[in-house]
């Protein structure tokens, strides 16, 4: 349950930054942490679809 709360809190921070007009340098670290937290959540839930989605996000983030 903590993983879910962390992901939701991170999404709220990202949304607040976007509303404030934050640029990429401010958003990128938050997005990276979102991927990390979502991956932890997927691993804890042991849901194959969630794991695949987290892996795809991590892979996409590595190519950015």
PDB file of N, CA and C in Angstrom:
ATOM      1  N   UNK A   1       0.815  -1.197   0.000  1.00  0.00           N
ATOM      2  CA  UNK A   1       0.000   0.000   0.000  1.00  0.00           C
ATOM      3  C   UNK A   1       0.864   1.269   0.000  1.00  0.00           C
ATOM      4  N   UNK A   2       2.032   1.203   0.645  1.00  0.00           N
ATOM      5  CA  UNK A   2       2.931   2.350   0.652  1.00  0.00           C
ATOM      6  C   UNK A   2       3.404   2.707  -0.751  1.00  0.00           C
ATOM      7  N   UNK A   3       3.616   1.679  -1.580  1.00  0.00           N
ATOM      8  CA  UNK A   3       4.061   1.936  -2.941  1.00  0.00           C
ATOM      9  C   UNK A   3       3.015   2.724  -3.709  1.00  0.00           C
ATOM     10  N   UNK A   4       1.753   2.356  -3.528  1.00  0.00           N
ATOM     11  CA  UNK A   4       0.665   3.060  -4.212  1.00  0.00           C
ATOM     12  C   UNK A   4       0.598   4.511  -3.759  1.00  0.00           C
ATOM     13  N   UNK A   5       0.744   4.735  -2.464  1.00  0.00           N
ATOM     14  CA  UNK A   5       0.727   6.109  -1.951  1.00  0.00           C
ATOM     15  C   UNK A   5       1.888   6.923  -2.510  1.00  0.00           C
ATOM     16  N   UNK A   6       3.048   6.305  -2.602  1.00  0.00           N
ATOM     17  CA  UNK A   6       4.216   7.008  -3.138  1.00  0.00           C
ATOM     18  C   UNK A   6       3.985   7.412  -4.588  1.00  0.00           C
ATOM     19  N   UNK A   7       3.427   6.505  -5.382  1.00  0.00           N
ATOM     20  CA  UNK A   7       3.156   6.808  -6.795  1.00  0.00           C
ATOM     21  C   UNK A   7       2.141   7.942  -6.907  1.00  0.00           C
ATOM     22  N   UNK A   8       1.080   7.877  -6.130  1.00  0.00           N
ATOM     23  CA  UNK A   8       0.058   8.923  -6.190  1.00  0.00           C
ATOM     24  C   UNK A   8       0.613  10.272  -5.736  1.00  0.00           C
ATOM     25  N   UNK A   9       1.419  10.269  -4.684  1.00  0.00           N
ATOM     26  CA  UNK A   9       2.022  11.524  -4.216  1.00  0.00           C
ATOM     27  C   UNK A   9       2.958  12.090  -5.279  1.00  0.00           C
ATOM     28  N   UNK A  10       3.721  11.224  -5.925  1.00  0.00           N
ATOM     29  CA  UNK A  10       4.637  11.673  -6.977  1.00  0.00           C
ATOM     30  C   UNK A  10       3.848  12.286  -8.136  1.00  0.00           C
ATOM     31  N   UNK A  11       2.747  11.642  -8.521  1.00  0.00           N
ATOM     32  CA  UNK A  11       1.914  12.181  -9.604  1.00  0.00           C
ATOM     33  C   UNK A  11       1.373  13.566  -9.238  1.00  0.00           C
ATOM     34  N   UNK A  12       0.984  13.734  -7.989  1.00  0.00           N
ATOM     35  CA  UNK A  12       0.487  15.042  -7.549  1.00  0.00           C
ATOM     36  C   UNK A  12       1.589  16.104  -7.639  1.00  0.00           C
ATOM     37  N   UNK A  13       2.816  15.737  -7.242  1.00  0.00           N
ATOM     38  CA  UNK A  13       3.930  16.691  -7.344  1.00  0.00           C
ATOM     39  C   UNK A  13       4.197  17.065  -8.797  1.00  0.00           C
ATOM     40  N   UNK A  14       4.153  16.071  -9.671  1.00  0.00           N
ATOM     41  CA  UNK A  14       4.390  16.328 -11.095  1.00  0.00           C
ATOM     42  C   UNK A  14       3.312  17.242 -11.656  1.00  0.00           C
ATOM     43  N   UNK A  15       2.069  16.981 -11.303  1.00  0.00           N
ATOM     44  CA  UNK A  15       0.973  17.833 -11.768  1.00  0.00           C
ATOM     45  C   UNK A  15       1.133  19.264 -11.259  1.00  0.00           C
ATOM     46  N   UNK A  16       1.544  19.416 -10.001  1.00  0.00           N
ATOM     47  CA  UNK A  16       1.746  20.758  -9.440  1.00  0.00           C
ATOM     48  C   UNK A  16       2.863  21.485 -10.180  1.00  0.00           C
ATOM     49  N   UNK A  17       3.945  20.779 -10.465  1.00  0.00           N
ATOM     50  CA  UNK A  17       5.048  21.382 -11.218  1.00  0.00           C
ATOM     51  C   UNK A  17       4.582  21.816 -12.607  1.00  0.00           C
ATOM     52  N   UNK A  18       3.785  20.981 -13.253  1.00  0.00           N
ATOM     53  CA  UNK A  18       3.274  21.330 -14.586  1.00  0.00           C
ATOM     54  C   UNK A  18       2.387  22.567 -14.521  1.00  0.00           C
ATOM     55  N   UNK A  19       1.532  22.638 -13.501  1.00  0.00           N
ATOM     56  CA  UNK A  19       0.660  23.811 -13.356  1.00  0.00           C
ATOM     57  C   UNK A  19       1.479  25.086 -13.155  1.00  0.00           C
ATOM     58  N   UNK A  20       2.611  24.949 -12.472  1.00  0.00           N
ATOM     59  CA  UNK A  20       3.482  26.097 -12.214  1.00  0.00           C
ATOM     60  C   UNK A  20       4.342  26.453 -13.427  1.00  0.00           C
ATOM     61  N   UNK A  21       4.261  25.639 -14.470  1.00  0.00           N
ATOM     62  CA  UNK A  21       5.028  25.904 -15.673  1.00  0.00           C
ATOM     63  C   UNK A  21       6.477  25.449 -15.595  1.00  0.00           C
ATOM     64  N   UNK A  22       6.733  24.453 -14.756  1.00  0.00           N
ATOM     65  CA  UNK A  22       8.101  23.941 -14.594  1.00  0.00           C
ATOM     66  C   UNK A  22       8.616  23.384 -15.915  1.00  0.00           C
ATOM     67  N   UNK A  23       9.895  23.545 -16.112  1.00  0.00           N
ATOM     68  CA  UNK A  23      10.524  23.031 -17.321  1.00  0.00           C
ATOM     69  C   UNK A  23      11.026  21.616 -17.139  1.00  0.00           C
ATOM     70  N   UNK A  24      11.594  21.109 -18.199  1.00  0.00           N
ATOM     71  CA  UNK A  24      12.116  19.741 -18.218  1.00  0.00           C
ATOM     72  C   UNK A  24      13.120  19.489 -17.090  1.00  0.00           C
ATOM     73  N   UNK A  25      14.052  20.416 -16.816  1.00  0.00           N
ATOM     74  CA  UNK A  25      15.026  20.146 -15.751  1.00  0.00           C
ATOM     75  C   UNK A  25      14.376  19.871 -14.393  1.00  0.00           C
ATOM     76  N   UNK A  26      13.222  20.448 -14.137  1.00  0.00           N
ATOM     77  CA  UNK A  26      12.514  20.197 -12.874  1.00  0.00           C
ATOM     78  C   UNK A  26      11.679  18.931 -12.936  1.00  0.00           C
ATOM     79  N   UNK A  27      11.129  18.641 -14.087  1.00  0.00           N
ATOM     80  CA  UNK A  27      10.233  17.490 -14.214  1.00  0.00           C
ATOM     81  C   UNK A  27      10.968  16.159 -14.344  1.00  0.00           C
ATOM     82  N   UNK A  28      12.093  16.159 -15.012  1.00  0.00           N
ATOM     83  CA  UNK A  28      12.787  14.909 -15.301  1.00  0.00           C
ATOM     84  C   UNK A  28      13.126  14.093 -14.058  1.00  0.00           C
ATOM     85  N   UNK A  29      13.679  14.674 -13.010  1.00  0.00           N
ATOM     86  CA  UNK A  29      13.963  13.868 -11.815  1.00  0.00           C
ATOM     87  C   UNK A  29      12.690  13.285 -11.189  1.00  0.00           C
ATOM     88  N   UNK A  30      11.620  14.048 -11.226  1.00  0.00           N
ATOM     89  CA  UNK A  30      10.347  13.558 -10.689  1.00  0.00           C
ATOM     90  C   UNK A  30       9.829  12.387 -11.518  1.00  0.00           C
ATOM     91  N   UNK A  31       9.955  12.492 -12.828  1.00  0.00           N
ATOM     92  CA  UNK A  31       9.499  11.408 -13.699  1.00  0.00           C
ATOM     93  C   UNK A  31      10.342  10.149 -13.506  1.00  0.00           C
ATOM     94  N   UNK A  32      11.632  10.329 -13.315  1.00  0.00           N
ATOM     95  CA  UNK A  32      12.505   9.172 -13.064  1.00  0.00           C
ATOM     96  C   UNK A  32      12.115   8.473 -11.762  1.00  0.00           C
ATOM     97  N   UNK A  33      11.836   9.262 -10.738  1.00  0.00           N
ATOM     98  CA  UNK A  33      11.415   8.675  -9.467  1.00  0.00           C
ATOM     99  C   UNK A  33      10.054   7.992  -9.603  1.00  0.00           C
ATOM    100  N   UNK A  34       9.183   8.569 -10.422  1.00  0.00           N
ATOM    101  CA  UNK A  34       7.886   7.939 -10.664  1.00  0.00           C
ATOM    102  C   UNK A  34       8.071   6.547 -11.261  1.00  0.00           C
ATOM    103  N   UNK A  35       8.959   6.416 -12.222  1.00  0.00           N
ATOM    104  CA  UNK A  35       9.222   5.109 -12.832  1.00  0.00           C
ATOM    105  C   UNK A  35       9.769   4.153 -11.787  1.00  0.00           C
ATOM    106  N   UNK A  36      10.696   4.619 -10.954  1.00  0.00           N
ATOM    107  CA  UNK A  36      11.267   3.762  -9.917  1.00  0.00           C
ATOM    108  C   UNK A  36      10.197   3.296  -8.932  1.00  0.00           C
ATOM    109  N   UNK A  37       9.363   4.228  -8.489  1.00  0.00           N
ATOM    110  CA  UNK A  37       8.310   3.891  -7.528  1.00  0.00           C
ATOM    111  C   UNK A  37       7.256   2.972  -8.147  1.00  0.00           C
ATOM    112  N   UNK A  38       6.908   3.222  -9.395  1.00  0.00           N
ATOM    113  CA  UNK A  38       5.936   2.358 -10.071  1.00  0.00           C
ATOM    114  C   UNK A  38       6.494   0.950 -10.253  1.00  0.00           C
ATOM    115  N   UNK A  39       7.790   0.847 -10.512  1.00  0.00           N
ATOM    116  CA  UNK A  39       8.426  -0.461 -10.647  1.00  0.00           C
ATOM    117  C   UNK A  39       8.386  -1.215  -9.325  1.00  0.00           C
ATOM    118  N   UNK A  40       8.677  -0.531  -8.231  1.00  0.00           N
ATOM    119  CA  UNK A  40       8.595  -1.168  -6.910  1.00  0.00           C
ATOM    120  C   UNK A  40       7.184  -1.669  -6.631  1.00  0.00           C
ATOM    121  N   UNK A  41       6.210  -0.853  -6.987  1.00  0.00           N
ATOM    122  CA  UNK A  41       4.813  -1.224  -6.765  1.00  0.00           C
ATOM    123  C   UNK A  41       4.461  -2.462  -7.588  1.00  0.00           C
ATOM    124  N   UNK A  42       4.871  -2.469  -8.840  1.00  0.00           N
ATOM    125  CA  UNK A  42       4.579  -3.607  -9.721  1.00  0.00           C
ATOM    126  C   UNK A  42       5.224  -4.887  -9.181  1.00  0.00           C
ATOM    127  N   UNK A  43       6.444  -4.775  -8.697  1.00  0.00           N
ATOM    128  CA  UNK A  43       7.124  -5.946  -8.142  1.00  0.00           C
ATOM    129  C   UNK A  43       6.403  -6.462  -6.900  1.00  0.00           C
ATOM    130  N   UNK A  44       5.968  -5.561  -6.071  1.00  0.00           N
ATOM    131  CA  UNK A  44       5.261  -5.966  -4.841  1.00  0.00           C
ATOM    132  C   UNK A  44       3.938  -6.649  -5.171  1.00  0.00           C
ATOM    133  N   UNK A  45       3.233  -6.133  -6.150  1.00  0.00           N
ATOM    134  CA  UNK A  45       1.937  -6.694  -6.536  1.00  0.00           C
ATOM    135  C   UNK A  45       2.070  -8.009  -7.294  1.00  0.00           C
ATOM    136  N   UNK A  46       3.232  -8.231  -7.900  1.00  0.00           N
ATOM    137  CA  UNK A  46       3.504  -9.447  -8.675  1.00  0.00           C
ATOM    138  C   UNK A  46       2.506  -9.656  -9.826  1.00  0.00           C
ATOM    139  N   UNK A  47       2.051  -8.550 -10.367  1.00  0.00           N
ATOM    140  CA  UNK A  47       1.121  -8.593 -11.500  1.00  0.00           C
ATOM    141  C   UNK A  47       1.951  -8.557 -12.779  1.00  0.00           C
ATOM    142  N   UNK A  48       1.853  -9.594 -13.625  1.00  0.00           N
ATOM    143  CA  UNK A  48       2.661  -9.631 -14.846  1.00  0.00           C
ATOM    144  C   UNK A  48       2.442  -8.421 -15.754  1.00  0.00           C
ATOM    145  N   UNK A  49       1.209  -7.948 -15.861  1.00  0.00           N
ATOM    146  CA  UNK A  49       0.944  -6.780 -16.711  1.00  0.00           C
ATOM    147  C   UNK A  49       1.576  -5.524 -16.135  1.00  0.00           C
ATOM    148  N   UNK A  50       1.514  -5.383 -14.809  1.00  0.00           N
ATOM    149  CA  UNK A  50       2.119  -4.217 -14.164  1.00  0.00           C
ATOM    150  C   UNK A  50       3.639  -4.273 -14.306  1.00  0.00           C
ATOM    151  N   UNK A  51       4.202  -5.459 -14.153  1.00  0.00           N
ATOM    152  CA  UNK A  51       5.650  -5.611 -14.320  1.00  0.00           C
ATOM    153  C   UNK A  51       6.069  -5.255 -15.748  1.00  0.00           C
ATOM    154  N   UNK A  52       5.301  -5.714 -16.725  1.00  0.00           N
ATOM    155  CA  UNK A  52       5.625  -5.424 -18.122  1.00  0.00           C
ATOM    156  C   UNK A  52       5.528  -3.926 -18.406  1.00  0.00           C
ATOM    157  N   UNK A  53       4.515  -3.278 -17.850  1.00  0.00           N
ATOM    158  CA  UNK A  53       4.357  -1.846 -18.051  1.00  0.00           C
ATOM    159  C   UNK A  53       5.507  -1.078 -17.399  1.00  0.00           C
ATOM    160  N   UNK A  54       5.888  -1.486 -16.192  1.00  0.00           N
ATOM    161  CA  UNK A  54       6.999  -0.810 -15.505  1.00  0.00           C
ATOM    162  C   UNK A  54       8.306  -1.013 -16.270  1.00  0.00           C
ATOM    163  N   UNK A  55       8.506  -2.217 -16.800  1.00  0.00           N
ATOM    164  CA  UNK A  55       9.723  -2.488 -17.576  1.00  0.00           C
ATOM    165  C   UNK A  55       9.746  -1.626 -18.839  1.00  0.00           C
ATOM    166  N   UNK A  56       8.600  -1.484 -19.493  1.00  0.00           N
ATOM    167  CA  UNK A  56       8.526  -0.658 -20.697  1.00  0.00           C
ATOM    168  C   UNK A  56       8.826   0.802 -20.380  1.00  0.00           C
ATOM    169  N   UNK A  57       8.300   1.293 -19.244  1.00  0.00           N
ATOM    170  CA  UNK A  57       8.587   2.654 -18.839  1.00  0.00           C
ATOM    171  C   UNK A  57      10.075   2.853 -18.556  1.00  0.00           C
ATOM    172  N   UNK A  58      10.652   1.916 -17.842  1.00  0.00           N
ATOM    173  CA  UNK A  58      12.070   2.014 -17.512  1.00  0.00           C
ATOM    174  C   UNK A  58      12.917   1.996 -18.780  1.00  0.00           C
ATOM    175  N   UNK A  59      12.549   1.142 -19.715  1.00  0.00           N
ATOM    176  CA  UNK A  59      13.282   1.057 -20.986  1.00  0.00           C
ATOM    177  C   UNK A  59      13.155   2.361 -21.777  1.00  0.00           C
ATOM    178  N   UNK A  60      11.941   2.894 -21.821  1.00  0.00           N
ATOM    179  CA  UNK A  60      11.726   4.147 -22.543  1.00  0.00           C
ATOM    180  C   UNK A  60      12.497   5.278 -21.887  1.00  0.00           C
ATOM    181  N   UNK A  61      12.561   5.275 -20.565  1.00  0.00           N
ATOM    182  CA  UNK A  61      13.299   6.315 -19.849  1.00  0.00           C
ATOM    183  C   UNK A  61      14.786   6.212 -20.105  1.00  0.00           C
ATOM    184  N   UNK A  62      15.281   5.028 -20.314  1.00  0.00           N
ATOM    185  CA  UNK A  62      16.708   4.839 -20.582  1.00  0.00           C
ATOM    186  C   UNK A  62      17.119   5.312 -21.946  1.00  0.00           C
ATOM    187  N   UNK A  63      16.165   5.395 -22.856  1.00  0.00           N
ATOM    188  CA  UNK A  63      16.494   5.826 -24.215  1.00  0.00           C
ATOM    189  C   UNK A  63      16.283   7.312 -24.411  1.00  0.00           C
ATOM    190  N   UNK A  64      15.865   8.014 -23.351  1.00  0.00           N
ATOM    191  CA  UNK A  64      15.598   9.460 -23.478  1.00  0.00           C
ATOM    192  C   UNK A  64      16.855  10.273 -23.338  1.00  0.00           C
TER     193      UNK A  64
END
